[in-house]
Amino acid sequence: MSIDSDVAMLSSISSQLEDLGHRITEMAERYGATPDSALASELFGAERGLIGARRALDRARKFLNQT
């Protein structure tokens, strides 16, 4: 694989993680004011994990762009 295709792949994965994060947030917000607020808390934690993963992928993509 070339660096360009790796950069494109990382960008695509990052976009997918962003979409998943939005979907999880929407679900968490639905459960936030219900007796299932513990579920909302877990979902928000998952969203934070996805944000961290996206940031790591963005940093990796920047490293590849520098080479």
Protein backbone atom coordinates (compact mmCIF):
# COMPACT_ATOMS: atom_id res chain seq x y z
CA MET A 1 0.00 0.00 0.00
CA SER A 2 1.09 3.53 -0.61
CA ILE A 3 1.11 6.34 1.88
CA ASP A 4 -1.70 8.06 -0.04
CA SER A 5 -3.96 5.03 0.27
CA ASP A 6 -3.14 4.71 3.98
CA VAL A 7 -4.00 8.37 4.51
CA ALA A 8 -7.28 7.86 2.66
CA MET A 9 -8.07 4.77 4.73
CA LEU A 10 -7.40 6.60 8.00
CA SER A 11 -9.60 9.45 6.84
CA SER A 12 -12.41 7.05 5.98
CA ILE A 13 -12.17 5.26 9.32
CA SER A 14 -12.13 8.59 11.13
CA SER A 15 -15.32 9.63 9.33
CA GLN A 16 -16.99 6.35 10.26
CA LEU A 17 -16.04 6.82 13.91
CA GLU A 18 -17.49 10.33 13.81
CA ASP A 19 -20.76 8.96 12.44
CA LEU A 20 -20.87 6.26 15.11
CA GLY A 21 -20.20 8.88 17.77
CA HIS A 22 -23.16 10.96 16.62
CA ARG A 23 -25.43 7.94 16.62
CA ILE A 24 -24.32 6.89 20.10
CA THR A 25 -24.78 10.44 21.40
CA GLU A 26 -28.32 10.58 20.05
CA MET A 27 -29.14 7.31 21.77
CA ALA A 28 -27.51 8.40 25.04
CA GLU A 29 -29.47 11.64 25.04
CA ARG A 30 -32.72 9.70 24.69
CA TYR A 31 -31.91 7.70 27.82
CA GLY A 32 -30.43 10.56 29.84
CA ALA A 33 -33.65 11.65 31.55
CA THR A 34 -35.09 8.18 32.09
CA PRO A 35 -34.67 5.51 34.74
CA ASP A 36 -32.07 4.06 32.35
CA SER A 37 -29.67 6.96 32.95
CA ALA A 38 -26.92 4.44 33.78
CA LEU A 39 -27.18 3.30 30.17
CA ALA A 40 -26.79 6.90 29.03
CA SER A 41 -23.67 7.22 31.15
CA GLU A 42 -22.13 4.14 29.53
CA LEU A 43 -23.04 5.38 26.06
CA PHE A 44 -21.47 8.78 26.72
CA GLY A 45 -18.34 6.93 27.88
CA ALA A 46 -18.29 5.00 24.61
CA GLU A 47 -18.67 8.29 22.72
CA ARG A 48 -15.66 9.73 24.55
CA GLY A 49 -13.66 6.63 23.59
CA LEU A 50 -14.57 7.13 19.94
CA ILE A 51 -13.51 10.78 20.13
CA GLY A 52 -10.15 9.68 21.51
CA ALA A 53 -9.78 7.10 18.75
CA ARG A 54 -10.58 9.71 16.10
CA ARG A 55 -7.97 12.06 17.51
CA ALA A 56 -5.35 9.29 17.49
CA LEU A 57 -6.18 8.49 13.86
CA ASP A 58 -5.94 12.17 12.95
CA ARG A 59 -2.49 12.35 14.55
CA ALA A 60 -1.41 9.21 12.68
CA ARG A 61 -2.67 10.70 9.42
CA LYS A 62 -0.65 13.87 10.07
CA PHE A 63 2.48 11.77 10.65
CA LEU A 64 1.92 10.00 7.35
CA ASN A 65 1.43 13.30 5.56
CA GLN A 66 4.81 14.49 6.87
CA THR A 67 6.70 11.56 5.37
